[in-house]
C-alpha atoms as a PDB file:
ATOM      1  CA  UNK A   1       0.018   0.006  -0.094  1.00  0.00           C
ATOM      2  CA  UNK A   2       2.938   2.460   0.923  1.00  0.00           C
ATOM      3  CA  UNK A   3       4.669   1.684  -2.507  1.00  0.00           C
ATOM      4  CA  UNK A   4       1.195   2.406  -4.254  1.00  0.00           C
ATOM      5  CA  UNK A   5       0.884   5.578  -2.382  1.00  0.00           C
ATOM      6  CA  UNK A   6       4.387   6.660  -3.176  1.00  0.00           C
ATOM      7  CA  UNK A   7       3.933   5.819  -6.806  1.00  0.00           C
ATOM      8  CA  UNK A   8       0.854   8.081  -6.799  1.00  0.00           C
ATOM      9  CA  UNK A   9       2.557  11.041  -4.960  1.00  0.00           C
ATOM     10  CA  UNK A  10       5.455  10.694  -7.674  1.00  0.00           C
ATOM     11  CA  UNK A  11       3.273  10.654 -10.593  1.00  0.00           C
ATOM     12  CA  UNK A  12       1.168  13.613  -9.401  1.00  0.00           C
ATOM     13  CA  UNK A  13       4.374  15.618  -8.745  1.00  0.00           C
ATOM     14  CA  UNK A  14       5.705  14.646 -12.126  1.00  0.00           C
ATOM     15  CA  UNK A  15       2.412  15.731 -13.820  1.00  0.00           C
ATOM     16  CA  UNK A  16       2.450  18.899 -11.749  1.00  0.00           C
ATOM     17  CA  UNK A  17       6.023  19.797 -12.858  1.00  0.00           C
ATOM     18  CA  UNK A  18       5.084  19.229 -16.376  1.00  0.00           C
ATOM     19  CA  UNK A  19       1.907  21.250 -16.268  1.00  0.00           C
ATOM     20  CA  UNK A  20       3.937  24.287 -14.811  1.00  0.00           C
ATOM     21  CA  UNK A  21       6.031  24.296 -18.053  1.00  0.00           C
ATOM     22  CA  UNK A  22       3.240  24.120 -20.338  1.00  0.00           C
ATOM     23  CA  UNK A  23       3.670  27.479 -21.814  1.00  0.00           C
ATOM     24  CA  UNK A  24       0.892  29.170 -23.807  1.00  0.00           C
ATOM     25  CA  UNK A  25       3.447  31.157 -25.861  1.00  0.00           C
ATOM     26  CA  UNK A  26       7.036  32.387 -25.786  1.00  0.00           C
ATOM     27  CA  UNK A  27       8.442  35.638 -27.248  1.00  0.00           C
ATOM     28  CA  UNK A  28      11.714  35.843 -29.174  1.00  0.00           C
ATOM     29  CA  UNK A  29      13.787  38.647 -30.645  1.00  0.00           C
ATOM     30  CA  UNK A  30      14.653  38.405 -34.481  1.00  0.00           C
ATOM     31  CA  UNK A  31      17.758  36.453 -33.639  1.00  0.00           C
ATOM     32  CA  UNK A  32      16.024  33.742 -31.775  1.00  0.00           C
ATOM     33  CA  UNK A  33      16.744  35.116 -28.101  1.00  0.00           C
ATOM     34  CA  UNK A  34      14.065  34.458 -25.683  1.00  0.00           C
ATOM     35  CA  UNK A  35      12.399  37.842 -24.772  1.00  0.00           C
ATOM     36  CA  UNK A  36       9.577  38.973 -22.589  1.00  0.00           C
ATOM     37  CA  UNK A  37       6.556  41.323 -22.716  1.00  0.00           C
ATOM     38  CA  UNK A  38       8.247  44.086 -20.968  1.00  0.00           C
ATOM     39  CA  UNK A  39      11.126  44.131 -23.304  1.00  0.00           C
ATOM     40  CA  UNK A  40       8.705  44.141 -26.193  1.00  0.00           C
ATOM     41  CA  UNK A  41       6.823  47.380 -24.702  1.00  0.00           C
ATOM     42  CA  UNK A  42       9.972  49.274 -23.905  1.00  0.00           C
ATOM     43  CA  UNK A  43      11.236  48.585 -27.481  1.00  0.00           C
ATOM     44  CA  UNK A  44       7.937  49.737 -28.961  1.00  0.00           C
ATOM     45  CA  UNK A  45       8.167  52.957 -27.224  1.00  0.00           C
ATOM     46  CA  UNK A  46      11.289  53.700 -28.993  1.00  0.00           C
ATOM     47  CA  UNK A  47       9.624  53.467 -32.390  1.00  0.00           C
ATOM     48  CA  UNK A  48       6.835  55.461 -34.183  1.00  0.00           C
ATOM     49  CA  UNK A  49       4.992  52.499 -35.993  1.00  0.00           C
ATOM     50  CA  UNK A  50       4.429  49.201 -34.578  1.00  0.00           C
ATOM     51  CA  UNK A  51       3.067  46.649 -36.960  1.00  0.00           C
ATOM     52  CA  UNK A  52       1.474  43.826 -35.135  1.00  0.00           C
ATOM     53  CA  UNK A  53       1.208  40.794 -37.345  1.00  0.00           C
ATOM     54  CA  UNK A  54      -1.304  38.331 -36.160  1.00  0.00           C
ATOM     55  CA  UNK A  55      -2.620  35.058 -37.245  1.00  0.00           C
ATOM     56  CA  UNK A  56      -6.271  36.092 -37.492  1.00  0.00           C
ATOM     57  CA  UNK A  57      -7.594  33.045 -35.550  1.00  0.00           C
ATOM     58  CA  UNK A  58      -5.071  32.969 -32.927  1.00  0.00           C
ATOM     59  CA  UNK A  59      -6.379  33.522 -29.499  1.00  0.00           C
ATOM     60  CA  UNK A  60      -2.939  34.402 -28.075  1.00  0.00           C
ATOM     61  CA  UNK A  61      -2.178  37.119 -30.463  1.00  0.00           C
ATOM     62  CA  UNK A  62      -5.538  38.764 -30.217  1.00  0.00           C
ATOM     63  CA  UNK A  63      -4.770  38.767 -26.160  1.00  0.00           C
ATOM     64  CA  UNK A  64      -1.414  40.327 -26.529  1.00  0.00           C
ATOM     65  CA  UNK A  65      -2.602  42.864 -28.977  1.00  0.00           C
ATOM     66  CA  UNK A  66      -4.976  44.178 -26.285  1.00  0.00           C
ATOM     67  CA  UNK A  67      -2.303  44.032 -23.525  1.00  0.00           C
ATOM     68  CA  UNK A  68       0.239  45.997 -25.672  1.00  0.00           C
ATOM     69  CA  UNK A  69      -2.408  48.552 -26.661  1.00  0.00           C
ATOM     70  CA  UNK A  70      -3.135  48.942 -22.743  1.00  0.00           C
ATOM     71  CA  UNK A  71       0.487  49.233 -21.912  1.00  0.00           C
ATOM     72  CA  UNK A  72       1.321  51.774 -24.729  1.00  0.00           C
ATOM     73  CA  UNK A  73      -1.605  54.039 -23.937  1.00  0.00           C
ATOM     74  CA  UNK A  74      -0.550  53.864 -20.292  1.00  0.00           C
ATOM     75  CA  UNK A  75       2.919  55.148 -21.334  1.00  0.00           C
ATOM     76  CA  UNK A  76       1.824  57.526 -24.118  1.00  0.00           C
ATOM     77  CA  UNK A  77      -1.568  58.800 -23.281  1.00  0.00           C
ATOM     78  CA  UNK A  78      -3.025  61.195 -25.923  1.00  0.00           C
ATOM     79  CA  UNK A  79       0.038  60.426 -28.080  1.00  0.00           C
ATOM     80  CA  UNK A  80      -1.103  56.842 -28.657  1.00  0.00           C
ATOM     81  CA  UNK A  81      -2.953  56.010 -31.903  1.00  0.00           C
ATOM     82  CA  UNK A  82      -4.388  52.792 -32.901  1.00  0.00           C
ATOM     83  CA  UNK A  83      -5.518  51.262 -36.436  1.00  0.00           C
ATOM     84  CA  UNK A  84      -6.149  47.979 -38.108  1.00  0.00           C
ATOM     85  CA  UNK A  85      -6.438  46.263 -41.455  1.00  0.00           C
ATOM     86  CA  UNK A  86      -9.827  45.070 -40.125  1.00  0.00           C
ATOM     87  CA  UNK A  87     -11.524  48.385 -40.897  1.00  0.00           C
ATOM     88  CA  UNK A  88     -11.745  49.821 -44.327  1.00  0.00           C
ATOM     89  CA  UNK A  89     -11.075  53.569 -45.092  1.00  0.00           C
ATOM     90  CA  UNK A  90     -14.682  54.158 -46.064  1.00  0.00           C
ATOM     91  CA  UNK A  91     -15.843  53.139 -42.884  1.00  0.00           C
ATOM     92  CA  UNK A  92     -13.796  55.723 -40.948  1.00  0.00           C
ATOM     93  CA  UNK A  93     -16.790  58.028 -40.528  1.00  0.00           C
ATOM     94  CA  UNK A  94     -18.960  55.435 -38.870  1.00  0.00           C
ATOM     95  CA  UNK A  95     -16.083  54.200 -36.757  1.00  0.00           C
ATOM     96  CA  UNK A  96     -15.563  57.759 -35.426  1.00  0.00           C
ATOM     97  CA  UNK A  97     -19.109  58.267 -34.747  1.00  0.00           C
ATOM     98  CA  UNK A  98     -19.246  55.266 -32.697  1.00  0.00           C
ATOM     99  CA  UNK A  99     -16.051  56.046 -30.841  1.00  0.00           C
ATOM    100  CA  UNK A 100     -17.363  59.686 -30.243  1.00  0.00           C
ATOM    101  CA  UNK A 101     -20.523  58.303 -28.760  1.00  0.00           C
ATOM    102  CA  UNK A 102     -22.677  59.696 -31.554  1.00  0.00           C
ATOM    103  CA  UNK A 103     -24.297  56.419 -32.697  1.00  0.00           C
ATOM    104  CA  UNK A 104     -25.031  53.204 -30.769  1.00  0.00           C
ATOM    105  CA  UNK A 105     -23.231  50.145 -31.062  1.00  0.00           C
ATOM    106  CA  UNK A 106     -26.177  48.264 -32.720  1.00  0.00           C
ATOM    107  CA  UNK A 107     -26.090  50.929 -35.404  1.00  0.00           C
ATOM    108  CA  UNK A 108     -22.320  50.571 -35.814  1.00  0.00           C
ATOM    109  CA  UNK A 109     -22.571  46.816 -36.149  1.00  0.00           C
ATOM    110  CA  UNK A 110     -25.471  47.048 -38.691  1.00  0.00           C
ATOM    111  CA  UNK A 111     -23.619  49.372 -41.107  1.00  0.00           C
ATOM    112  CA  UNK A 112     -19.994  48.712 -40.539  1.00  0.00           C
ATOM    113  CA  UNK A 113     -18.168  45.899 -42.537  1.00  0.00           C
ATOM    114  CA  UNK A 114     -17.224  43.977 -39.539  1.00  0.00           C
ATOM    115  CA  UNK A 115     -15.160  40.804 -39.724  1.00  0.00           C
ATOM    116  CA  UNK A 116     -16.989  37.627 -38.613  1.00  0.00           C
ATOM    117  CA  UNK A 117     -14.455  37.379 -35.639  1.00  0.00           C
ATOM    118  CA  UNK A 118     -15.187  40.787 -34.593  1.00  0.00           C
ATOM    119  CA  UNK A 119     -17.034  39.939 -31.204  1.00  0.00           C
ATOM    120  CA  UNK A 120     -14.175  37.742 -29.742  1.00  0.00           C
ATOM    121  CA  UNK A 121     -10.992  39.277 -31.416  1.00  0.00           C
ATOM    122  CA  UNK A 122     -11.746  43.084 -32.675  1.00  0.00           C
ATOM    123  CA  UNK A 123     -14.218  44.418 -30.343  1.00  0.00           C
ATOM    124  CA  UNK A 124     -12.141  44.610 -27.245  1.00  0.00           C
ATOM    125  CA  UNK A 125      -9.685  46.811 -28.977  1.00  0.00           C
ATOM    126  CA  UNK A 126     -12.536  48.990 -30.339  1.00  0.00           C
ATOM    127  CA  UNK A 127     -13.867  49.311 -26.853  1.00  0.00           C
ATOM    128  CA  UNK A 128     -10.578  50.143 -25.226  1.00  0.00           C
ATOM    129  CA  UNK A 129     -10.251  53.024 -27.972  1.00  0.00           C
ATOM    130  CA  UNK A 130     -13.936  54.209 -27.050  1.00  0.00           C
ATOM    131  CA  UNK A 131     -13.585  54.275 -23.469  1.00  0.00           C
ATOM    132  CA  UNK A 132     -10.045  55.741 -23.365  1.00  0.00           C
ATOM    133  CA  UNK A 133     -10.683  58.251 -26.328  1.00  0.00           C
ATOM    134  CA  UNK A 134      -7.858  56.736 -28.395  1.00  0.00           C
ATOM    135  CA  UNK A 135      -7.826  57.589 -32.202  1.00  0.00           C
ATOM    136  CA  UNK A 136      -8.620  54.439 -34.207  1.00  0.00           C
ATOM    137  CA  UNK A 137      -7.772  54.593 -38.007  1.00  0.00           C
ATOM    138  CA  UNK A 138      -9.406  52.392 -40.623  1.00  0.00           C
ATOM    139  CA  UNK A 139      -6.318  51.814 -42.806  1.00  0.00           C
ATOM    140  CA  UNK A 140      -7.525  49.116 -45.419  1.00  0.00           C
ATOM    141  CA  UNK A 141      -8.560  49.742 -48.937  1.00  0.00           C
ATOM    142  CA  UNK A 142     -12.177  49.022 -49.523  1.00  0.00           C
ATOM    143  CA  UNK A 143     -12.460  45.449 -50.548  1.00  0.00           C
ATOM    144  CA  UNK A 144     -14.291  46.391 -53.816  1.00  0.00           C
ATOM    145  CA  UNK A 145     -11.297  48.298 -55.011  1.00  0.00           C
ATOM    146  CA  UNK A 146      -8.941  45.363 -54.228  1.00  0.00           C
ATOM    147  CA  UNK A 147     -11.068  43.262 -56.175  1.00  0.00           C
ATOM    148  CA  UNK A 148     -10.759  45.544 -59.237  1.00  0.00           C
ATOM    149  CA  UNK A 149      -6.973  45.238 -58.951  1.00  0.00           C
ATOM    150  CA  UNK A 150      -7.231  41.381 -58.636  1.00  0.00           C
ATOM    151  CA  UNK A 151      -9.386  41.441 -61.818  1.00  0.00           C
ATOM    152  CA  UNK A 152      -7.690  44.128 -63.974  1.00  0.00           C
ATOM    153  CA  UNK A 153      -4.645  45.200 -62.242  1.00  0.00           C
ATOM    154  CA  UNK A 154      -3.584  48.719 -61.151  1.00  0.00           C
ATOM    155  CA  UNK A 155      -4.905  50.112 -64.243  1.00  0.00           C
ATOM    156  CA  UNK A 156      -8.439  49.396 -63.152  1.00  0.00           C
ATOM    157  CA  UNK A 157      -8.280  51.922 -60.508  1.00  0.00           C
ATOM    158  CA  UNK A 158      -7.930  54.839 -62.955  1.00  0.00           C
ATOM    159  CA  UNK A 159     -11.596  54.754 -63.832  1.00  0.00           C
ATOM    160  CA  UNK A 160     -12.505  55.393 -60.031  1.00  0.00           C
ATOM    161  CA  UNK A 161     -14.142  58.932 -59.097  1.00  0.00           C
ATOM    162  CA  UNK A 162     -11.960  61.488 -57.252  1.00  0.00           C
ATOM    163  CA  UNK A 163     -14.005  60.591 -54.151  1.00  0.00           C
ATOM    164  CA  UNK A 164     -13.352  56.948 -54.565  1.00  0.00           C
ATOM    165  CA  UNK A 165      -9.674  57.625 -54.768  1.00  0.00           C
ATOM    166  CA  UNK A 166      -9.717  59.133 -51.456  1.00  0.00           C
ATOM    167  CA  UNK A 167      -9.968  55.817 -49.866  1.00  0.00           C
ATOM    168  CA  UNK A 168      -6.781  54.280 -51.423  1.00  0.00           C
ATOM    169  CA  UNK A 169      -3.052  55.376 -51.518  1.00  0.00           C
ATOM    170  CA  UNK A 170      -2.446  57.956 -54.107  1.00  0.00           C
ATOM    171  CA  UNK A 171      -1.975  56.724 -57.658  1.00  0.00           C
ATOM    172  CA  UNK A 172       0.350  55.478 -59.527  1.00  0.00           C
ATOM    173  CA  UNK A 173       1.152  52.671 -56.986  1.00  0.00           C
ATOM    174  CA  UNK A 174       4.651  51.772 -56.658  1.00  0.00           C
ATOM    175  CA  UNK A 175       5.064  47.818 -57.056  1.00  0.00           C
ATOM    176  CA  UNK A 176       8.157  45.764 -56.899  1.00  0.00           C
ATOM    177  CA  UNK A 177       7.175  42.129 -58.199  1.00  0.00           C
ATOM    178  CA  UNK A 178      10.627  40.745 -57.029  1.00  0.00           C
ATOM    179  CA  UNK A 179       9.880  41.396 -53.344  1.00  0.00           C
ATOM    180  CA  UNK A 180       9.980  37.618 -52.123  1.00  0.00           C
ATOM    181  CA  UNK A 181       6.374  37.872 -50.455  1.00  0.00           C
ATOM    182  CA  UNK A 182       4.848  39.050 -53.651  1.00  0.00           C
ATOM    183  CA  UNK A 183       6.925  36.555 -55.726  1.00  0.00           C
ATOM    184  CA  UNK A 184       5.756  33.591 -53.396  1.00  0.00           C
ATOM    185  CA  UNK A 185       2.201  34.636 -54.099  1.00  0.00           C
ATOM    186  CA  UNK A 186       2.665  33.996 -57.795  1.00  0.00           C
ATOM    187  CA  UNK A 187       3.379  30.467 -56.951  1.00  0.00           C
ATOM    188  CA  UNK A 188       0.098  30.058 -55.382  1.00  0.00           C
ATOM    189  CA  UNK A 189      -1.830  30.430 -58.601  1.00  0.00           C
ATOM    190  CA  UNK A 190      -4.386  27.783 -58.891  1.00  0.00           C
ATOM    191  CA  UNK A 191      -5.316  27.607 -55.211  1.00  0.00           C
ATOM    192  CA  UNK A 192      -8.700  28.964 -54.062  1.00  0.00           C
ATOM    193  CA  UNK A 193      -8.867  32.696 -53.986  1.00  0.00           C
ATOM    194  CA  UNK A 194      -5.483  33.257 -55.719  1.00  0.00           C
ATOM    195  CA  UNK A 195      -6.657  33.887 -59.237  1.00  0.00           C
ATOM    196  CA  UNK A 196      -3.628  34.813 -61.294  1.00  0.00           C
ATOM    197  CA  UNK A 197      -0.872  37.242 -62.009  1.00  0.00           C
ATOM    198  CA  UNK A 198      -2.744  40.230 -60.326  1.00  0.00           C
ATOM    199  CA  UNK A 199      -3.148  38.477 -57.097  1.00  0.00           C
ATOM    200  CA  UNK A 200       0.131  39.921 -55.697  1.00  0.00           C
ATOM    201  CA  UNK A 201      -0.921  43.458 -56.855  1.00  0.00           C
ATOM    202  CA  UNK A 202      -4.231  43.125 -54.998  1.00  0.00           C
ATOM    203  CA  UNK A 203      -1.871  42.511 -52.048  1.00  0.00           C
ATOM    204  CA  UNK A 204       0.368  45.399 -52.726  1.00  0.00           C
ATOM    205  CA  UNK A 205      -2.564  47.968 -53.056  1.00  0.00           C
ATOM    206  CA  UNK A 206      -3.705  46.787 -49.560  1.00  0.00           C
ATOM    207  CA  UNK A 207      -0.274  46.931 -48.217  1.00  0.00           C
ATOM    208  CA  UNK A 208       0.200  50.511 -49.848  1.00  0.00           C
ATOM    209  CA  UNK A 209      -3.246  51.823 -48.639  1.00  0.00           C
ATOM    210  CA  UNK A 210      -2.493  50.755 -44.922  1.00  0.00           C
ATOM    211  CA  UNK A 211       1.022  52.493 -45.097  1.00  0.00           C
ATOM    212  CA  UNK A 212      -0.515  55.686 -46.520  1.00  0.00           C
ATOM    213  CA  UNK A 213      -3.223  56.027 -43.817  1.00  0.00           C
ATOM    214  CA  UNK A 214      -0.552  55.020 -41.114  1.00  0.00           C
ATOM    215  CA  UNK A 215       1.669  57.898 -42.289  1.00  0.00           C
ATOM    216  CA  UNK A 216      -1.036  60.152 -42.715  1.00  0.00           C
ATOM    217  CA  UNK A 217      -2.391  59.698 -39.038  1.00  0.00           C
ATOM    218  CA  UNK A 218       1.135  59.795 -37.358  1.00  0.00           C
ATOM    219  CA  UNK A 219       1.943  63.026 -35.380  1.00  0.00           C
ATOM    220  CA  UNK A 220       5.081  64.109 -33.777  1.00  0.00           C
ATOM    221  CA  UNK A 221       5.986  62.017 -30.663  1.00  0.00           C
ATOM    222  CA  UNK A 222       2.956  59.728 -31.307  1.00  0.00           C
ATOM    223  CA  UNK A 223       3.264  56.006 -31.401  1.00  0.00           C
ATOM    224  CA  UNK A 224       0.894  54.140 -33.865  1.00  0.00           C
ATOM    225  CA  UNK A 225       0.010  50.562 -33.001  1.00  0.00           C
ATOM    226  CA  UNK A 226      -1.374  48.853 -36.192  1.00  0.00           C
ATOM    227  CA  UNK A 227      -3.038  45.313 -36.501  1.00  0.00           C
ATOM    228  CA  UNK A 228      -2.729  43.452 -39.457  1.00  0.00           C
ATOM    229  CA  UNK A 229      -2.305  39.874 -40.694  1.00  0.00           C
ATOM    230  CA  UNK A 230       1.510  38.893 -40.286  1.00  0.00           C
ATOM    231  CA  UNK A 231       1.975  38.267 -44.103  1.00  0.00           C
ATOM    232  CA  UNK A 232       1.454  42.089 -44.458  1.00  0.00           C
ATOM    233  CA  UNK A 233       4.581  42.970 -42.492  1.00  0.00           C
ATOM    234  CA  UNK A 234       6.665  39.723 -42.285  1.00  0.00           C
ATOM    235  CA  UNK A 235      10.270  40.010 -43.333  1.00  0.00           C
ATOM    236  CA  UNK A 236       9.943  43.551 -43.383  1.00  0.00           C
ATOM    237  CA  UNK A 237       8.068  43.685 -46.471  1.00  0.00           C
ATOM    238  CA  UNK A 238       4.641  44.778 -47.612  1.00  0.00           C
ATOM    239  CA  UNK A 239       3.405  47.711 -45.150  1.00  0.00           C
ATOM    240  CA  UNK A 240       7.040  48.153 -43.976  1.00  0.00           C
ATOM    241  CA  UNK A 241       8.164  48.827 -47.730  1.00  0.00           C
ATOM    242  CA  UNK A 242       5.676  51.276 -48.353  1.00  0.00           C
ATOM    243  CA  UNK A 243       6.159  53.095 -45.178  1.00  0.00           C
ATOM    244  CA  UNK A 244       9.948  53.360 -45.832  1.00  0.00           C
ATOM    245  CA  UNK A 245       9.061  54.857 -49.415  1.00  0.00           C
ATOM    246  CA  UNK A 246       6.980  57.475 -47.719  1.00  0.00           C
ATOM    247  CA  UNK A 247       9.409  58.294 -44.899  1.00  0.00           C
ATOM    248  CA  UNK A 248      12.833  56.506 -44.977  1.00  0.00           C
ATOM    249  CA  UNK A 249      13.614  57.867 -41.428  1.00  0.00           C
ATOM    250  CA  UNK A 250      10.404  56.500 -39.918  1.00  0.00           C
ATOM    251  CA  UNK A 251      11.156  54.262 -36.759  1.00  0.00           C
ATOM    252  CA  UNK A 252       9.305  51.157 -37.358  1.00  0.00           C
ATOM    253  CA  UNK A 253       9.037  47.860 -35.367  1.00  0.00           C
ATOM    254  CA  UNK A 254       7.336  44.652 -36.360  1.00  0.00           C
ATOM    255  CA  UNK A 255       5.830  41.820 -34.562  1.00  0.00           C
ATOM    256  CA  UNK A 256       4.906  38.415 -36.045  1.00  0.00           C
ATOM    257  CA  UNK A 257       3.097  35.582 -34.799  1.00  0.00           C
ATOM    258  CA  UNK A 258       3.782  31.825 -35.696  1.00  0.00           C
ATOM    259  CA  UNK A 259       2.798  28.224 -34.544  1.00  0.00           C
ATOM    260  CA  UNK A 260       5.315  25.757 -33.512  1.00  0.00           C
ATOM    261  CA  UNK A 261       4.964  22.207 -31.827  1.00  0.00           C
ATOM    262  CA  UNK A 262       7.502  23.329 -29.360  1.00  0.00           C
ATOM    263  CA  UNK A 263       7.742  26.886 -28.137  1.00  0.00           C
ATOM    264  CA  UNK A 264      10.924  26.654 -26.157  1.00  0.00           C
ATOM    265  CA  UNK A 265      13.038  27.642 -29.047  1.00  0.00           C
ATOM    266  CA  UNK A 266      12.590  29.577 -32.355  1.00  0.00           C
ATOM    267  CA  UNK A 267      12.677  27.551 -35.671  1.00  0.00           C
ATOM    268  CA  UNK A 268      15.433  28.671 -38.054  1.00  0.00           C
ATOM    269  CA  UNK A 269      12.834  29.240 -40.575  1.00  0.00           C
ATOM    270  CA  UNK A 270      11.347  32.025 -38.512  1.00  0.00           C
ATOM    271  CA  UNK A 271      14.605  33.917 -37.702  1.00  0.00           C
ATOM    272  CA  UNK A 272      14.541  37.479 -38.939  1.00  0.00           C
ATOM    273  CA  UNK A 273      10.963  37.218 -39.623  1.00  0.00           C
ATOM    274  CA  UNK A 274      10.150  40.414 -37.524  1.00  0.00           C
ATOM    275  CA  UNK A 275      11.631  42.324 -34.627  1.00  0.00           C
ATOM    276  CA  UNK A 276       9.757  40.118 -31.948  1.00  0.00           C
ATOM    277  CA  UNK A 277       8.188  36.724 -32.765  1.00  0.00           C
ATOM    278  CA  UNK A 278       5.389  35.396 -30.677  1.00  0.00           C
ATOM    279  CA  UNK A 279       5.401  31.529 -30.768  1.00  0.00           C
ATOM    280  CA  UNK A 280       2.253  29.835 -29.843  1.00  0.00           C
ATOM    281  CA  UNK A 281       1.604  26.064 -29.630  1.00  0.00           C
ATOM    282  CA  UNK A 282       0.054  24.518 -32.643  1.00  0.00           C
ATOM    283  CA  UNK A 283      -2.634  22.954 -30.391  1.00  0.00           C
ATOM    284  CA  UNK A 284      -3.710  26.498 -28.994  1.00  0.00           C
ATOM    285  CA  UNK A 285      -7.603  27.034 -29.277  1.00  0.00           C
ATOM    286  CA  UNK A 286      -8.464  28.939 -32.391  1.00  0.00           C
ATOM    287  CA  UNK A 287     -11.033  31.779 -32.051  1.00  0.00           C
ATOM    288  CA  UNK A 288     -12.892  30.863 -35.472  1.00  0.00           C
END
């Protein structure tokens, strides 16, 4: 009986020790060194723009977005700005009306083009902006205009009205098809949603437009925290490339999110992906 009891106690202690090391995520810097949340906040405060690259269905990334927003707002106060890919530029008016208390949340939800994961993943950010009076910038190109580029290339935008063009980056759009991210998209042709040679251009018009509205909203001494899919800023391409064209001296920090079976060390393939890389277990619960 004593041996059975000792075996049970040993097994319990072993399980407890293993459970204590069951990490929900691990932060790394670009070189693969372990980092922590405080280091990420401190580095963010040294920059003007922070591009938070998420996996859209990753619960840890969404939680860290909110916590980083709170930390930066506490440090910067009225010099803190938020913005997101998840809102299209032609929804800025209704977003402002809701944040300013002019319309109800019911009207906001009914009329804004909200993503399907708004309630769980995006609403907490919007509500933080509303309660703390933080500017929140809708940076993305209206999807109907991105669809034009996907169908007819950048030239298709020339037929838009002057009013419509206010919701996209100024034309003509600079474009480097040799950027590795855009080249990789060409290799995805034939997959669902990847329709042909114009697909990388449709991505580029999104990147260019997000960069344009970020730079436009940026103020002296402000910190702009922007939320976007990681592929829009990974490897310092996408939005970063366009921001640097607008202002080569702009201080930009990037964050990316990846999934690994083991979060104790950063895989070689993820080295240099961003200034900070959030590694999350592949088994982490998805939000949608």
